[in-house]
Amino acid sequence: MGPDLSRVMRSSPYWPVISHTTLRRVLPGFAVSSLGDGMAVVAVSWLAIELAPVAERGVWVALAAAAYTLSGAVGALLLGRFLRHRRPTQLAGWDAVLRAGALGAIPVLHAFGALGIEGYVALLAVSSVLHAWGQAGVYTLIARVLPERDHLVGNAVLSGVGSIATVVGPPLATLLIVFGGPATVLAVDATTFLVLAVTFLVAVPKDAVPEPEDDTASRTAGFAVIRRIPALSGLLALSFVFFFLFGPVYVALPLHVSDDLGASAGVLAAFYTAFGIGAVLGSVLTGFLSRWRLWPTTVGIVIGFGVLMLPLGLGAPTAVSVVCFGMAGLLWPPYSSLSTTLFQRSAPSALLPQALAASSAVRVLSVPLGTALGGPLVASLGAVGTLRLSGAGIAVVGMVAAAALTLRASRRRPEPAAGATESADADAGAAAEARP
C-alpha cells in the first residue's frame, strides 16, 4: 500500500509543485492566510453591520466590502515606481505585513471601544493597498522557481487552496462570531497574515528565487508592458469583460431566489455552496490540463461558463439551476489559472511583477463595476432578465474571442510546403507574438 501510494503521488502532475523545496516552505503559510481570508469574507460585513448606524447599514456594508478590495487596484496604479523592481518574496511579504498590521489594529481598537465605522473602513482600505502587488509576487515566484511546463499546475495549487478556503472559512467564521464576535475573526485573520509574512520574509532564502538576468526592463510600468504585448492586451480585455458581466449576478441571484422563487436563504446558500464545491473540484482538475492548448481552452471556458449560466435566466427548475451554477463554478479556477499561466509565459521575467499587478488591478475593478451595474439592470430587466443577459453576454464574448483567435491563427499559418509540418498552435503563436 505504501509503495503504491508513493508511486501514485509521484506520477501526479502536482508532485513537482508540492515536492519543490521553496514551495514546500511557502504553501503552508499561504494555506493558513487563505483560510483567514475565507473567514474574513463573513466578518468584514458583519462587523460593519454592528458598527454602522441602523439607518445607514447598507451604505457602510458596501463601503466596507469595497474598501477591502478596491484599494488594491489603487495601490497597483500608484505604487509601481516604488515596487516594480522588488523581489517577489518582498512584494508578497510586505503585503502580508501591511494586512497583518491594519487588520490587527481593528480588534485592538474595538476592544478599547475606540473603533468607529469610519476608522474601520479606513483600516480595511489600508490593509489592501499592497494586495495586487502581493498577488503578483506570489505568482511571479511560481513562474521563476518552476519550469514553464509546471506553471499551470503551480497556479492550480494556489487556486485550489483559495477555493477550499472559501468553502471552509465562512463556517469557521460563523462559529467564531457566535462565541467571540466578528472582531475576533479579524484578529485571527491578522495572525494568519503574520504567518505569511514570516514565511516570505524569513523562511524563504533570498537566493531561493532566481532573479532575471536583465533587470533594466523592470522600470517599465505594468500597463505599458501589457500594451506592448498584444496577446496580453487581448487576454486582459477578455478577463475584464468576463468578470464585469458576472458582477450583476451578485445582485440578481439573491433577488431571483427571494422574489421570483419565493424561496428562503437556504436556497441561496445552496447556489453558492454548489459554486464553491465546483470551484474546489475545478482547482483539482486544472493540473491535468497542462497538455491542452492554453488559448483555446481559456476561451472555451468563457463560452461554457456563459452557457451554464443561461438556465438561471431561462426559468429552469431550481435543482437544474443549482447544478448548472455548480458546474460554472467548476470552470472558474481553471480560467484564473490558465490566464495567469498565459501571462507568465508571455511577459518577460523582469516585467512579470508589474504586468501581473496591473492585471490584478483590472480584475479587482471589473467585478465591483459589474455589481454596481446590477442594480439598474434588475430595476429595468428584472432579476431573471439580468441573469439571462449575464449568461448570454459571457457566452457571446467567448465566441467573439474564439473567432479572433481563429482569425489570428489563420493569418500566422505559413504557406504549406513539401515536408513541412503544421504550424505551431495558438499558444505558441501567442507567445511568439508576445515577445517584445
Protein backbone atom coordinates (compact mmCIF):
# COMPACT_ATOMS: atom_id res chain seq x y z
CA MET A 1 0.00 0.00 0.00
CA GLY A 2 2.79 2.39 0.96
CA PRO A 3 4.90 2.00 -2.21
CA ASP A 4 1.78 2.10 -4.39
CA LEU A 5 0.63 5.34 -2.77
CA SER A 6 4.09 6.85 -3.19
CA ARG A 7 4.13 5.83 -6.86
CA VAL A 8 0.71 7.41 -7.43
CA MET A 9 1.78 10.65 -5.76
CA ARG A 10 4.97 10.88 -7.80
CA SER A 11 3.04 10.30 -11.03
CA SER A 12 0.61 13.12 -10.21
CA PRO A 13 1.06 16.38 -12.13
CA TYR A 14 1.08 18.13 -8.75
CA TRP A 15 4.17 16.32 -7.46
CA PRO A 16 6.74 18.79 -8.92
CA VAL A 17 4.95 21.59 -7.06
CA ILE A 18 4.35 20.05 -3.66
CA SER A 19 7.84 18.50 -3.60
CA HIS A 20 9.68 21.67 -4.62
CA THR A 21 11.97 22.86 -1.83
CA THR A 22 10.98 26.52 -1.97
CA LEU A 23 7.27 25.90 -2.45
CA ARG A 24 7.19 23.46 0.46
CA ARG A 25 8.21 26.41 2.61
CA VAL A 26 5.63 28.74 1.05
CA LEU A 27 2.49 26.62 0.71
CA PRO A 28 1.71 26.08 4.43
CA GLY A 29 1.82 29.82 5.12
CA PHE A 30 -0.23 30.53 2.01
CA ALA A 31 -2.83 27.97 3.07
CA VAL A 32 -3.12 29.48 6.55
CA SER A 33 -3.55 33.02 5.21
CA SER A 34 -6.09 31.84 2.62
CA LEU A 35 -8.16 30.30 5.39
CA GLY A 36 -8.03 33.62 7.24
CA ASP A 37 -9.21 35.41 4.13
CA GLY A 38 -12.06 32.93 3.74
CA MET A 39 -13.15 33.69 7.28
CA ALA A 40 -12.87 37.45 6.74
CA VAL A 41 -15.46 37.34 3.95
CA VAL A 42 -18.13 36.96 6.63
CA ALA A 43 -16.52 39.04 9.36
CA VAL A 44 -15.86 42.19 7.34
CA SER A 45 -19.53 42.73 6.54
CA TRP A 46 -20.79 41.58 9.94
CA LEU A 47 -18.62 43.97 11.89
CA ALA A 48 -19.71 46.80 9.58
CA ILE A 49 -23.32 45.95 10.43
CA GLU A 50 -22.52 46.16 14.16
CA LEU A 51 -20.66 49.48 13.90
CA ALA A 52 -22.81 51.39 11.40
CA PRO A 53 -25.90 53.43 12.30
CA VAL A 54 -29.02 51.35 11.71
CA ALA A 55 -30.37 53.67 9.02
CA GLU A 56 -27.09 53.61 7.09
CA ARG A 57 -26.08 49.98 7.38
CA GLY A 58 -26.49 49.19 3.69
CA VAL A 59 -24.19 52.02 2.62
CA TRP A 60 -21.48 51.20 5.16
CA VAL A 61 -21.52 47.47 4.44
CA ALA A 62 -20.99 48.24 0.76
CA LEU A 63 -18.19 50.68 1.59
CA ALA A 64 -16.50 48.13 3.85
CA ALA A 65 -16.61 45.46 1.17
CA ALA A 66 -15.31 47.88 -1.45
CA ALA A 67 -12.53 49.19 0.81
CA TYR A 68 -11.32 45.65 1.46
CA THR A 69 -10.82 45.03 -2.27
CA LEU A 70 -10.67 48.19 -4.39
CA SER A 71 -7.76 49.87 -2.63
CA GLY A 72 -5.56 47.12 -4.06
CA ALA A 73 -6.26 48.46 -7.54
CA VAL A 74 -5.26 51.94 -6.41
CA GLY A 75 -2.01 50.57 -5.00
CA ALA A 76 -1.26 48.78 -8.25
CA LEU A 77 -1.71 52.01 -10.20
CA LEU A 78 0.14 54.40 -7.88
CA LEU A 79 2.97 52.42 -6.32
CA GLY A 80 4.59 50.89 -9.40
CA ARG A 81 7.62 53.17 -9.40
CA PHE A 82 8.46 52.08 -5.84
CA LEU A 83 7.69 48.36 -6.08
CA ARG A 84 8.23 47.07 -9.60
CA HIS A 85 11.95 46.33 -9.05
CA ARG A 86 11.43 44.43 -5.80
CA ARG A 87 11.88 40.69 -5.35
CA PRO A 88 8.71 38.54 -5.45
CA THR A 89 9.20 37.47 -1.83
CA GLN A 90 9.42 41.11 -0.75
CA LEU A 91 6.20 42.01 -2.57
CA ALA A 92 4.30 39.12 -1.02
CA GLY A 93 5.86 39.63 2.41
CA TRP A 94 5.25 43.37 2.58
CA ASP A 95 1.63 42.89 1.56
CA ALA A 96 1.22 40.34 4.36
CA VAL A 97 2.87 42.66 6.90
CA LEU A 98 0.55 45.54 5.99
CA ARG A 99 -2.53 43.34 6.13
CA ALA A 100 -1.49 41.86 9.46
CA GLY A 101 -0.89 45.31 10.96
CA ALA A 102 -4.01 47.04 9.65
CA LEU A 103 -6.36 44.13 10.32
CA GLY A 104 -4.76 43.53 13.71
CA ALA A 105 -5.47 47.13 14.73
CA ILE A 106 -9.21 46.57 14.24
CA PRO A 107 -9.82 44.14 17.15
CA VAL A 108 -7.45 46.11 19.39
CA LEU A 109 -9.33 49.39 18.83
CA HIS A 110 -12.64 47.53 19.12
CA ALA A 111 -11.65 46.05 22.46
CA PHE A 112 -10.92 49.54 23.82
CA GLY A 113 -14.15 50.97 22.42
CA ALA A 114 -12.24 53.27 20.08
CA LEU A 115 -13.35 51.84 16.74
CA GLY A 116 -15.91 53.80 14.74
CA ILE A 117 -17.31 52.82 11.36
CA GLU A 118 -15.24 55.46 9.55
CA GLY A 119 -11.99 54.27 11.10
CA TYR A 120 -12.96 50.67 10.41
CA VAL A 121 -13.45 51.29 6.69
CA ALA A 122 -10.20 53.26 6.56
CA LEU A 123 -8.25 50.38 8.15
CA LEU A 124 -9.78 47.91 5.70
CA ALA A 125 -8.68 50.13 2.82
CA VAL A 126 -5.14 50.44 4.18
CA SER A 127 -4.89 46.67 4.64
CA SER A 128 -5.40 46.03 0.93
CA VAL A 129 -3.23 48.75 -0.64
CA LEU A 130 -0.43 46.31 -1.50
CA HIS A 131 -2.60 43.29 -2.25
CA ALA A 132 -2.29 43.43 -6.05
CA TRP A 133 1.49 43.56 -5.66
CA GLY A 134 1.41 40.75 -3.13
CA GLN A 135 -0.51 38.54 -5.53
CA ALA A 136 1.89 39.50 -8.31
CA GLY A 137 4.79 38.49 -6.08
CA VAL A 138 3.31 35.07 -5.35
CA TYR A 139 2.64 34.21 -9.00
CA THR A 140 5.98 35.65 -10.12
CA LEU A 141 7.64 33.33 -7.61
CA ILE A 142 5.75 30.40 -9.16
CA ALA A 143 6.97 31.42 -12.63
CA ARG A 144 10.60 31.74 -11.54
CA VAL A 145 11.08 28.64 -9.41
CA LEU A 146 9.15 26.20 -11.62
CA PRO A 147 9.88 25.24 -15.23
CA GLU A 148 7.37 26.54 -17.75
CA ARG A 149 5.65 23.16 -18.11
CA ASP A 150 4.69 23.29 -14.41
CA HIS A 151 3.39 26.87 -14.28
CA LEU A 152 -0.24 25.86 -14.76
CA VAL A 153 -0.01 23.20 -12.04
CA GLY A 154 1.60 25.67 -9.64
CA ASN A 155 -1.14 28.21 -10.30
CA ALA A 156 -3.75 25.48 -9.84
CA VAL A 157 -2.36 24.58 -6.41
CA LEU A 158 -2.69 28.19 -5.24
CA SER A 159 -6.17 28.44 -6.75
CA GLY A 160 -7.19 25.18 -5.11
CA VAL A 161 -6.04 26.35 -1.69
CA GLY A 162 -8.08 29.54 -2.16
CA SER A 163 -11.16 27.60 -3.29
CA ILE A 164 -11.04 25.29 -0.29
CA ALA A 165 -10.69 28.31 1.99
CA THR A 166 -13.84 29.89 0.55
CA VAL A 167 -15.78 26.75 1.46
CA VAL A 168 -14.24 26.06 4.88
CA GLY A 169 -13.62 29.65 6.01
CA PRO A 170 -17.20 31.01 6.31
CA PRO A 171 -18.49 28.22 8.61
CA LEU A 172 -15.45 28.64 10.87
CA ALA A 173 -16.02 32.39 10.91
CA THR A 174 -19.64 31.82 11.89
CA LEU A 175 -18.58 29.77 14.90
CA LEU A 176 -16.06 32.40 15.99
CA ILE A 177 -18.61 35.18 15.59
CA VAL A 178 -21.06 33.30 17.84
CA PHE A 179 -18.50 32.89 20.62
CA GLY A 180 -16.24 35.93 20.19
CA GLY A 181 -17.76 38.37 17.70
CA PRO A 182 -16.57 39.44 14.22
CA ALA A 183 -13.61 41.38 15.61
CA THR A 184 -12.20 38.08 16.89
CA VAL A 185 -12.34 36.67 13.37
CA LEU A 186 -10.34 39.63 12.07
CA ALA A 187 -7.80 39.09 14.85
CA VAL A 188 -7.36 35.52 13.63
CA ASP A 189 -7.13 36.76 10.04
CA ALA A 190 -4.38 39.22 11.02
CA THR A 191 -2.48 36.41 12.71
CA THR A 192 -2.64 34.27 9.57
CA PHE A 193 -1.13 37.10 7.55
CA LEU A 194 1.63 37.44 10.11
CA VAL A 195 2.42 33.78 9.48
CA LEU A 196 2.51 34.50 5.74
CA ALA A 197 4.81 37.49 6.25
CA VAL A 198 7.27 35.37 8.22
CA THR A 199 7.07 32.72 5.51
CA PHE A 200 8.12 35.04 2.70
CA LEU A 201 10.49 37.37 4.53
CA VAL A 202 12.25 34.88 6.81
CA ALA A 203 11.63 31.25 5.81
CA VAL A 204 12.40 31.66 2.09
CA PRO A 205 16.13 32.28 1.49
CA LYS A 206 17.00 35.23 -0.76
CA ASP A 207 18.75 33.00 -3.27
CA ALA A 208 15.85 30.53 -3.48
CA VAL A 209 14.04 32.56 -6.16
CA PRO A 210 16.09 33.20 -9.33
CA GLU A 211 16.26 36.81 -10.49
CA PRO A 212 16.06 37.75 -14.19
CA GLU A 213 19.40 38.38 -15.87
CA ASP A 214 18.28 41.69 -17.35
CA ASP A 215 16.53 43.83 -14.77
CA THR A 216 16.63 47.11 -16.72
CA ALA A 217 13.18 46.40 -18.14
CA SER A 218 11.73 46.45 -14.63
CA ARG A 219 11.40 50.20 -14.88
CA THR A 220 8.53 49.76 -17.32
CA ALA A 221 5.06 50.37 -15.91
CA GLY A 222 2.64 47.43 -15.77
CA PHE A 223 0.10 48.71 -18.28
CA ALA A 224 2.90 49.72 -20.66
CA VAL A 225 4.09 46.11 -20.55
CA ILE A 226 0.63 44.84 -21.43
CA ARG A 227 0.19 47.36 -24.26
CA ARG A 228 3.46 46.21 -25.82
CA ILE A 229 2.29 42.58 -25.89
CA PRO A 230 -0.88 42.11 -27.99
CA ALA A 231 -1.59 38.68 -26.53
CA LEU A 232 -1.72 40.12 -23.02
CA SER A 233 -3.85 43.09 -24.09
CA GLY A 234 -6.42 40.72 -25.56
CA LEU A 235 -6.35 38.43 -22.54
CA LEU A 236 -6.79 41.30 -20.10
CA ALA A 237 -9.71 42.67 -22.14
CA LEU A 238 -11.34 39.23 -22.17
CA SER A 239 -10.88 38.86 -18.40
CA PHE A 240 -12.27 42.31 -17.69
CA VAL A 241 -15.43 41.76 -19.73
CA PHE A 242 -15.89 38.23 -18.39
CA PHE A 243 -15.74 39.31 -14.75
CA PHE A 244 -17.67 42.52 -15.42
CA LEU A 245 -20.58 40.57 -16.92
CA PHE A 246 -20.55 38.19 -13.98
CA GLY A 247 -20.77 41.07 -11.49
CA PRO A 248 -24.57 41.62 -11.83
CA VAL A 249 -25.13 38.03 -10.68
CA TYR A 250 -24.28 39.09 -7.11
CA VAL A 251 -27.30 41.41 -7.19
CA ALA A 252 -29.68 39.42 -9.37
CA LEU A 253 -29.30 35.95 -7.86
CA PRO A 254 -30.40 36.84 -4.29
CA LEU A 255 -33.37 38.79 -5.66
CA HIS A 256 -34.25 35.94 -8.02
CA VAL A 257 -34.29 33.49 -5.10
CA SER A 258 -36.29 35.71 -2.76
CA ASP A 259 -38.70 37.43 -5.17
CA ASP A 260 -39.08 35.18 -8.21
CA LEU A 261 -38.79 31.80 -6.47
CA GLY A 262 -40.18 32.93 -3.12
CA ALA A 263 -37.53 30.74 -1.51
CA SER A 264 -35.53 31.06 1.69
CA ALA A 265 -31.92 31.99 2.29
CA GLY A 266 -31.17 28.27 2.35
CA VAL A 267 -31.78 28.07 -1.39
CA LEU A 268 -29.39 30.96 -1.99
CA ALA A 269 -26.85 29.18 0.20
CA ALA A 270 -27.33 26.06 -1.96
CA PHE A 271 -26.38 28.07 -5.07
CA TYR A 272 -23.20 29.43 -3.50
CA THR A 273 -22.30 26.09 -1.90
CA ALA A 274 -22.64 24.37 -5.27
CA PHE A 275 -20.44 27.01 -6.85
CA GLY A 276 -17.84 26.60 -4.10
CA ILE A 277 -17.77 22.81 -4.37
CA GLY A 278 -17.45 23.10 -8.13
CA ALA A 279 -14.57 25.53 -7.70
CA VAL A 280 -12.72 23.09 -5.43
CA LEU A 281 -13.14 20.27 -7.96
CA GLY A 282 -12.15 22.60 -10.78
CA SER A 283 -8.95 23.50 -8.97
CA VAL A 284 -8.04 19.82 -8.66
CA LEU A 285 -8.75 19.17 -12.34
CA THR A 286 -6.80 22.19 -13.55
CA GLY A 287 -3.46 20.49 -13.01
CA PHE A 288 -4.39 17.87 -15.61
CA LEU A 289 -4.88 20.49 -18.35
CA SER A 290 -1.16 21.11 -18.88
CA ARG A 291 -1.15 19.25 -22.19
CA TRP A 292 -4.15 21.15 -23.52
CA ARG A 293 -3.72 24.14 -25.78
CA LEU A 294 -3.98 27.05 -23.38
CA TRP A 295 -5.57 29.74 -25.53
CA PRO A 296 -8.41 27.62 -26.98
CA THR A 297 -9.06 26.11 -23.55
CA THR A 298 -9.23 29.53 -21.89
CA VAL A 299 -11.66 30.88 -24.49
CA GLY A 300 -13.72 27.67 -24.39
CA ILE A 301 -14.12 28.06 -20.63
CA VAL A 302 -15.64 31.51 -21.10
CA ILE A 303 -18.15 30.16 -23.62
CA GLY A 304 -19.00 27.19 -21.41
CA PHE A 305 -19.40 29.38 -18.33
CA GLY A 306 -21.87 31.64 -20.12
CA VAL A 307 -23.89 28.69 -21.42
CA LEU A 308 -24.08 27.17 -17.94
CA MET A 309 -25.39 30.47 -16.55
CA LEU A 310 -28.30 30.58 -19.00
CA PRO A 311 -30.62 28.14 -17.17
CA LEU A 312 -30.77 30.60 -14.26
CA GLY A 313 -32.31 33.17 -16.61
CA LEU A 314 -34.49 30.82 -18.66
CA GLY A 315 -36.81 29.57 -15.93
CA ALA A 316 -35.19 26.17 -15.45
CA PRO A 317 -36.19 24.18 -12.34
CA THR A 318 -34.29 25.26 -9.25
CA ALA A 319 -32.46 21.97 -8.93
CA VAL A 320 -31.23 22.24 -12.53
CA SER A 321 -30.13 25.84 -11.98
CA VAL A 322 -28.20 24.90 -8.85
CA VAL A 323 -26.40 22.08 -10.68
CA CYS A 324 -25.55 24.35 -13.61
CA PHE A 325 -24.28 27.06 -11.27
CA GLY A 326 -22.09 24.46 -9.59
CA MET A 327 -20.74 23.37 -12.99
CA ALA A 328 -19.98 27.01 -13.76
CA GLY A 329 -18.03 27.08 -10.50
CA LEU A 330 -16.06 24.11 -11.83
CA LEU A 331 -14.78 26.35 -14.66
CA TRP A 332 -13.87 29.37 -12.53
CA PRO A 333 -10.49 28.21 -11.12
CA PRO A 334 -9.23 26.81 -14.45
CA TYR A 335 -9.85 30.16 -16.11
CA SER A 336 -7.94 32.01 -13.41
CA SER A 337 -5.02 29.57 -13.51
CA LEU A 338 -4.87 29.40 -17.30
CA SER A 339 -4.97 33.17 -17.77
CA THR A 340 -2.23 33.62 -15.16
CA THR A 341 -0.15 30.97 -16.92
CA LEU A 342 -0.53 32.83 -20.21
CA PHE A 343 0.76 35.97 -18.51
CA GLN A 344 3.69 34.05 -17.05
CA ARG A 345 4.60 32.63 -20.45
CA SER A 346 4.10 35.80 -22.46
CA ALA A 347 5.70 38.51 -20.30
CA PRO A 348 9.50 38.61 -19.87
CA SER A 349 10.55 37.60 -16.36
CA ALA A 350 11.80 41.08 -15.43
CA LEU A 351 8.45 42.59 -16.38
CA LEU A 352 6.22 39.94 -14.84
CA PRO A 353 5.55 41.50 -11.39
CA GLN A 354 4.24 44.79 -12.77
CA ALA A 355 2.30 43.04 -15.54
CA LEU A 356 0.58 40.78 -13.01
CA ALA A 357 -0.08 43.70 -10.66
CA ALA A 358 -1.73 45.66 -13.48
CA SER A 359 -3.77 42.61 -14.42
CA SER A 360 -4.85 42.16 -10.81
CA ALA A 361 -5.91 45.82 -10.62
CA VAL A 362 -8.15 45.46 -13.66
CA ARG A 363 -9.70 42.25 -12.39
CA VAL A 364 -10.31 43.74 -8.94
CA LEU A 365 -12.21 46.61 -10.55
CA SER A 366 -14.22 44.57 -13.03
CA VAL A 367 -16.48 42.59 -10.67
CA PRO A 368 -17.46 45.57 -8.44
CA LEU A 369 -18.21 47.66 -11.54
CA GLY A 370 -20.43 44.88 -12.85
CA THR A 371 -22.08 44.51 -9.46
CA ALA A 372 -22.82 48.25 -9.41
CA LEU A 373 -24.48 47.86 -12.80
CA GLY A 374 -26.58 45.02 -11.42
CA GLY A 375 -28.95 47.35 -9.55
CA PRO A 376 -30.08 49.36 -12.61
CA LEU A 377 -30.24 46.18 -14.69
CA VAL A 378 -32.50 44.43 -12.18
CA ALA A 379 -34.68 47.53 -11.99
CA SER A 380 -35.16 47.55 -15.77
CA LEU A 381 -34.96 43.86 -16.75
CA GLY A 382 -35.85 42.09 -13.53
CA ALA A 383 -33.66 39.53 -11.78
CA VAL A 384 -34.30 36.77 -14.33
CA GLY A 385 -33.65 39.11 -17.26
CA THR A 386 -30.39 40.24 -15.69
CA LEU A 387 -29.24 36.66 -15.16
CA ARG A 388 -30.16 35.85 -18.76
CA LEU A 389 -28.25 38.87 -20.05
CA SER A 390 -25.22 37.98 -17.94
CA GLY A 391 -25.04 34.40 -19.20
CA ALA A 392 -25.71 35.28 -22.82
CA GLY A 393 -23.24 38.18 -22.72
CA ILE A 394 -20.45 36.00 -21.32
CA ALA A 395 -21.09 33.31 -23.96
CA VAL A 396 -21.10 35.88 -26.78
CA VAL A 397 -17.86 37.45 -25.55
CA GLY A 398 -16.28 33.99 -25.53
CA MET A 399 -17.46 33.35 -29.09
CA VAL A 400 -16.01 36.67 -30.24
CA ALA A 401 -12.70 35.77 -28.60
CA ALA A 402 -12.79 32.35 -30.28
CA ALA A 403 -13.38 33.97 -33.67
CA ALA A 404 -10.50 36.39 -33.10
CA LEU A 405 -8.23 33.54 -32.02
CA THR A 406 -9.12 31.53 -35.12
CA LEU A 407 -8.52 34.52 -37.38
CA ARG A 408 -5.13 35.24 -35.83
CA ALA A 409 -4.09 31.60 -36.11
CA SER A 410 -5.06 31.51 -39.80
CA ARG A 411 -3.07 34.67 -40.52
CA ARG A 412 0.01 33.28 -38.78
CA ARG A 413 -0.14 29.91 -40.54
CA PRO A 414 2.72 29.62 -43.07
CA GLU A 415 2.21 28.56 -46.65
CA PRO A 416 2.22 24.73 -46.88
CA ALA A 417 5.36 23.24 -48.29
CA ALA A 418 6.51 19.74 -49.08
CA GLY A 419 7.53 18.02 -45.86
CA ALA A 420 6.53 20.97 -43.75
CA THR A 421 4.76 20.29 -40.50
CA GLU A 422 1.67 22.04 -39.29
CA SER A 423 2.28 25.49 -37.87
CA ALA A 424 2.60 25.92 -34.14
CA ASP A 425 -0.61 26.00 -32.20
CA ALA A 426 -2.29 29.16 -30.99
CA ASP A 427 -0.48 29.09 -27.66
CA ALA A 428 2.94 29.10 -29.25
CA GLY A 429 1.79 31.73 -31.72
CA ALA A 430 0.54 33.93 -28.95
CA ALA A 431 3.77 33.57 -27.03
CA ALA A 432 5.85 34.39 -30.10
CA GLU A 433 3.70 37.37 -30.84
CA ALA A 434 4.02 38.48 -27.23
CA ARG A 435 7.78 38.75 -27.13
CA PRO A 436 8.95 42.37 -27.48
